């Protein structure tokens, strides 16, 4: 075939699962895994947004949960988009992810915007209990006709 090729969605879902250390070193590893997974199957979800939101989820898990065990990153690539989950040992729901924001964050505060960013840039997000704590997740849609760089 000559000319531009349009993205063809994978017929079967692809998924990756990895245990990460409960340290800041987990963030760049998670970013790289998401970007590589999207590129490997030439998926049409936006890799920059996926990488950014994954970094926010992992950083929140590292910063706001007890560091007794590893956290787990799960990446699922579906024909309709991608879903990223971060599992951690803390059963408490993350603040500001699914409940309404009552007040805007202080513009001089360095933190406190990660979950707001996830809400704003993902097509959906949430959390659910797991046997060992909770999973926090977001979804991004596939962008039809978008070509992935080789």
C-alpha atoms as a PDB file:
ATOM      1  CA  UNK A   1       0.000   0.000   0.000  1.00  0.00           C
ATOM      2  CA  UNK A   2       1.395   3.395  -0.924  1.00  0.00           C
ATOM      3  CA  UNK A   3       0.668   6.642   0.911  1.00  0.00           C
ATOM      4  CA  UNK A   4      -0.347   7.217   4.506  1.00  0.00           C
ATOM      5  CA  UNK A   5      -1.554   4.264   6.516  1.00  0.00           C
ATOM      6  CA  UNK A   6      -4.312   4.840   9.049  1.00  0.00           C
ATOM      7  CA  UNK A   7      -4.053   3.400  12.504  1.00  0.00           C
ATOM      8  CA  UNK A   8      -5.533  -0.070  12.804  1.00  0.00           C
ATOM      9  CA  UNK A   9      -6.705  -0.909  16.289  1.00  0.00           C
ATOM     10  CA  UNK A  10      -5.434  -4.099  17.885  1.00  0.00           C
ATOM     11  CA  UNK A  11      -7.970  -6.902  17.626  1.00  0.00           C
ATOM     12  CA  UNK A  12      -7.145  -8.132  21.121  1.00  0.00           C
ATOM     13  CA  UNK A  13      -6.488  -6.072  24.225  1.00  0.00           C
ATOM     14  CA  UNK A  14      -2.859  -5.894  25.323  1.00  0.00           C
ATOM     15  CA  UNK A  15      -1.859  -5.476  28.952  1.00  0.00           C
ATOM     16  CA  UNK A  16       1.209  -4.973  31.110  1.00  0.00           C
ATOM     17  CA  UNK A  17       1.533  -5.366  34.889  1.00  0.00           C
ATOM     18  CA  UNK A  18       4.611  -4.494  36.924  1.00  0.00           C
ATOM     19  CA  UNK A  19       5.465  -4.142  40.610  1.00  0.00           C
ATOM     20  CA  UNK A  20       7.302  -0.904  41.357  1.00  0.00           C
ATOM     21  CA  UNK A  21       9.262   0.172  44.429  1.00  0.00           C
ATOM     22  CA  UNK A  22       7.423   2.419  46.852  1.00  0.00           C
ATOM     23  CA  UNK A  23       9.921   5.217  46.142  1.00  0.00           C
ATOM     24  CA  UNK A  24      10.231   8.197  43.822  1.00  0.00           C
ATOM     25  CA  UNK A  25      12.294   5.963  41.500  1.00  0.00           C
ATOM     26  CA  UNK A  26       9.001   4.326  40.446  1.00  0.00           C
ATOM     27  CA  UNK A  27       7.802   7.453  38.602  1.00  0.00           C
ATOM     28  CA  UNK A  28      10.241   7.454  35.642  1.00  0.00           C
ATOM     29  CA  UNK A  29       9.932   3.666  35.307  1.00  0.00           C
ATOM     30  CA  UNK A  30       6.138   3.948  35.092  1.00  0.00           C
ATOM     31  CA  UNK A  31       6.344   6.782  32.553  1.00  0.00           C
ATOM     32  CA  UNK A  32       8.690   4.760  30.353  1.00  0.00           C
ATOM     33  CA  UNK A  33       6.507   1.642  30.543  1.00  0.00           C
ATOM     34  CA  UNK A  34       3.370   3.503  29.445  1.00  0.00           C
ATOM     35  CA  UNK A  35       5.127   5.279  26.576  1.00  0.00           C
ATOM     36  CA  UNK A  36       6.772   2.029  25.420  1.00  0.00           C
ATOM     37  CA  UNK A  37       3.512   0.055  25.651  1.00  0.00           C
ATOM     38  CA  UNK A  38       1.654   2.603  23.520  1.00  0.00           C
ATOM     39  CA  UNK A  39       4.461   2.738  20.950  1.00  0.00           C
ATOM     40  CA  UNK A  40       4.940  -1.041  20.830  1.00  0.00           C
ATOM     41  CA  UNK A  41       1.423  -1.695  19.568  1.00  0.00           C
ATOM     42  CA  UNK A  42       1.147   1.639  17.726  1.00  0.00           C
ATOM     43  CA  UNK A  43      -1.829   2.582  19.889  1.00  0.00           C
ATOM     44  CA  UNK A  44      -3.673   5.822  19.133  1.00  0.00           C
ATOM     45  CA  UNK A  45      -4.100   7.094  22.706  1.00  0.00           C
ATOM     46  CA  UNK A  46      -2.104  10.269  23.330  1.00  0.00           C
ATOM     47  CA  UNK A  47       1.247   9.112  24.773  1.00  0.00           C
ATOM     48  CA  UNK A  48       2.137  12.485  26.307  1.00  0.00           C
ATOM     49  CA  UNK A  49      -1.096  12.648  28.291  1.00  0.00           C
ATOM     50  CA  UNK A  50      -0.851   8.968  29.257  1.00  0.00           C
ATOM     51  CA  UNK A  51       2.702   9.472  30.492  1.00  0.00           C
ATOM     52  CA  UNK A  52       1.830  12.626  32.465  1.00  0.00           C
ATOM     53  CA  UNK A  53      -1.229  11.134  34.160  1.00  0.00           C
ATOM     54  CA  UNK A  54       0.604   7.894  34.952  1.00  0.00           C
ATOM     55  CA  UNK A  55       3.368   9.903  36.617  1.00  0.00           C
ATOM     56  CA  UNK A  56       0.748  11.704  38.720  1.00  0.00           C
ATOM     57  CA  UNK A  57      -0.915   8.451  39.845  1.00  0.00           C
ATOM     58  CA  UNK A  58       2.394   6.818  40.760  1.00  0.00           C
ATOM     59  CA  UNK A  59       3.709   9.932  42.531  1.00  0.00           C
ATOM     60  CA  UNK A  60       0.488  10.130  44.572  1.00  0.00           C
ATOM     61  CA  UNK A  61       0.747   6.476  45.563  1.00  0.00           C
ATOM     62  CA  UNK A  62       4.368   6.940  46.636  1.00  0.00           C
ATOM     63  CA  UNK A  63       3.758  10.187  48.514  1.00  0.00           C
ATOM     64  CA  UNK A  64       0.398   9.534  50.156  1.00  0.00           C
ATOM     65  CA  UNK A  65       0.422   5.840  51.081  1.00  0.00           C
ATOM     66  CA  UNK A  66       2.365   3.709  53.532  1.00  0.00           C
ATOM     67  CA  UNK A  67       5.576   2.374  52.004  1.00  0.00           C
ATOM     68  CA  UNK A  68       5.381  -1.139  53.429  1.00  0.00           C
ATOM     69  CA  UNK A  69       5.195  -2.855  50.065  1.00  0.00           C
ATOM     70  CA  UNK A  70       5.487  -2.250  46.348  1.00  0.00           C
ATOM     71  CA  UNK A  71       2.901  -0.472  44.264  1.00  0.00           C
ATOM     72  CA  UNK A  72       1.634  -2.055  41.075  1.00  0.00           C
ATOM     73  CA  UNK A  73       1.148  -0.462  37.659  1.00  0.00           C
ATOM     74  CA  UNK A  74      -1.371  -2.015  35.252  1.00  0.00           C
ATOM     75  CA  UNK A  75      -1.652  -0.760  31.659  1.00  0.00           C
ATOM     76  CA  UNK A  76      -4.436  -2.045  29.410  1.00  0.00           C
ATOM     77  CA  UNK A  77      -4.625  -1.079  25.747  1.00  0.00           C
ATOM     78  CA  UNK A  78      -8.077  -1.590  24.296  1.00  0.00           C
ATOM     79  CA  UNK A  79      -9.516  -0.765  20.875  1.00  0.00           C
ATOM     80  CA  UNK A  80     -11.414   2.145  22.460  1.00  0.00           C
ATOM     81  CA  UNK A  81      -8.419   3.586  24.341  1.00  0.00           C
ATOM     82  CA  UNK A  82      -6.122   2.846  27.236  1.00  0.00           C
ATOM     83  CA  UNK A  83      -6.668   2.353  30.949  1.00  0.00           C
ATOM     84  CA  UNK A  84      -3.926   2.797  33.521  1.00  0.00           C
ATOM     85  CA  UNK A  85      -4.281   1.632  37.129  1.00  0.00           C
ATOM     86  CA  UNK A  86      -2.012   2.046  40.122  1.00  0.00           C
ATOM     87  CA  UNK A  87      -2.579  -0.376  43.006  1.00  0.00           C
ATOM     88  CA  UNK A  88      -1.373   0.532  46.485  1.00  0.00           C
ATOM     89  CA  UNK A  89      -1.797  -0.951  49.976  1.00  0.00           C
ATOM     90  CA  UNK A  90      -3.841   1.951  51.421  1.00  0.00           C
ATOM     91  CA  UNK A  91      -7.616   1.328  51.301  1.00  0.00           C
ATOM     92  CA  UNK A  92      -8.470   5.031  51.818  1.00  0.00           C
ATOM     93  CA  UNK A  93      -9.904   6.682  48.693  1.00  0.00           C
ATOM     94  CA  UNK A  94      -7.813   9.421  47.089  1.00  0.00           C
ATOM     95  CA  UNK A  95      -9.009  12.938  47.855  1.00  0.00           C
ATOM     96  CA  UNK A  96     -10.396  15.114  45.055  1.00  0.00           C
ATOM     97  CA  UNK A  97     -10.471  12.375  42.414  1.00  0.00           C
ATOM     98  CA  UNK A  98     -14.187  11.682  42.224  1.00  0.00           C
ATOM     99  CA  UNK A  99     -15.758  14.162  44.637  1.00  0.00           C
ATOM    100  CA  UNK A 100     -16.485  17.779  43.662  1.00  0.00           C
ATOM    101  CA  UNK A 101     -13.750  20.346  44.173  1.00  0.00           C
ATOM    102  CA  UNK A 102     -15.003  22.840  46.760  1.00  0.00           C
ATOM    103  CA  UNK A 103     -12.211  25.372  46.392  1.00  0.00           C
ATOM    104  CA  UNK A 104      -9.439  26.053  43.929  1.00  0.00           C
ATOM    105  CA  UNK A 105      -5.901  25.148  45.020  1.00  0.00           C
ATOM    106  CA  UNK A 106      -3.691  27.926  46.353  1.00  0.00           C
ATOM    107  CA  UNK A 107      -1.741  29.289  43.346  1.00  0.00           C
ATOM    108  CA  UNK A 108       1.436  29.447  45.465  1.00  0.00           C
ATOM    109  CA  UNK A 109       1.155  25.864  46.695  1.00  0.00           C
ATOM    110  CA  UNK A 110       3.573  23.473  44.988  1.00  0.00           C
ATOM    111  CA  UNK A 111       1.419  20.357  45.228  1.00  0.00           C
ATOM    112  CA  UNK A 112      -2.219  19.391  45.219  1.00  0.00           C
ATOM    113  CA  UNK A 113      -2.984  19.518  41.512  1.00  0.00           C
ATOM    114  CA  UNK A 114      -2.248  15.968  40.356  1.00  0.00           C
ATOM    115  CA  UNK A 115      -5.728  14.537  40.854  1.00  0.00           C
ATOM    116  CA  UNK A 116      -7.292  17.685  39.384  1.00  0.00           C
ATOM    117  CA  UNK A 117      -5.089  17.188  36.331  1.00  0.00           C
ATOM    118  CA  UNK A 118      -6.208  13.560  36.029  1.00  0.00           C
ATOM    119  CA  UNK A 119      -9.867  14.626  36.226  1.00  0.00           C
ATOM    120  CA  UNK A 120      -9.365  17.330  33.610  1.00  0.00           C
ATOM    121  CA  UNK A 121      -7.348  15.365  31.025  1.00  0.00           C
ATOM    122  CA  UNK A 122      -8.774  11.834  31.217  1.00  0.00           C
ATOM    123  CA  UNK A 123     -12.024  10.657  29.663  1.00  0.00           C
ATOM    124  CA  UNK A 124     -12.878   9.029  33.015  1.00  0.00           C
ATOM    125  CA  UNK A 125     -11.160   8.214  36.287  1.00  0.00           C
ATOM    126  CA  UNK A 126     -11.898   6.660  39.633  1.00  0.00           C
ATOM    127  CA  UNK A 127     -10.849   4.244  42.317  1.00  0.00           C
ATOM    128  CA  UNK A 128     -12.000   0.881  43.591  1.00  0.00           C
ATOM    129  CA  UNK A 129     -11.154  -1.314  46.551  1.00  0.00           C
ATOM    130  CA  UNK A 130      -8.881  -4.310  46.030  1.00  0.00           C
ATOM    131  CA  UNK A 131      -8.110  -7.217  48.377  1.00  0.00           C
ATOM    132  CA  UNK A 132      -4.802  -5.557  49.288  1.00  0.00           C
ATOM    133  CA  UNK A 133      -5.828  -1.854  49.306  1.00  0.00           C
ATOM    134  CA  UNK A 134      -7.136   0.123  46.339  1.00  0.00           C
ATOM    135  CA  UNK A 135      -6.667   0.761  42.640  1.00  0.00           C
ATOM    136  CA  UNK A 136      -6.767   4.298  41.244  1.00  0.00           C
ATOM    137  CA  UNK A 137      -7.310   4.500  37.481  1.00  0.00           C
ATOM    138  CA  UNK A 138      -7.859   6.716  34.469  1.00  0.00           C
ATOM    139  CA  UNK A 139      -8.902   6.135  30.863  1.00  0.00           C
ATOM    140  CA  UNK A 140      -7.853   7.921  27.694  1.00  0.00           C
ATOM    141  CA  UNK A 141      -9.646   7.473  24.374  1.00  0.00           C
ATOM    142  CA  UNK A 142      -7.994   6.287  21.190  1.00  0.00           C
ATOM    143  CA  UNK A 143      -7.791   9.164  18.730  1.00  0.00           C
ATOM    144  CA  UNK A 144      -9.154   7.842  15.396  1.00  0.00           C
ATOM    145  CA  UNK A 145      -6.826   8.249  12.434  1.00  0.00           C
ATOM    146  CA  UNK A 146      -3.922   9.425  14.565  1.00  0.00           C
ATOM    147  CA  UNK A 147      -0.627   7.990  13.377  1.00  0.00           C
ATOM    148  CA  UNK A 148       1.957   7.009  15.937  1.00  0.00           C
ATOM    149  CA  UNK A 149       5.567   7.945  15.174  1.00  0.00           C
ATOM    150  CA  UNK A 150       7.774   5.012  14.226  1.00  0.00           C
END
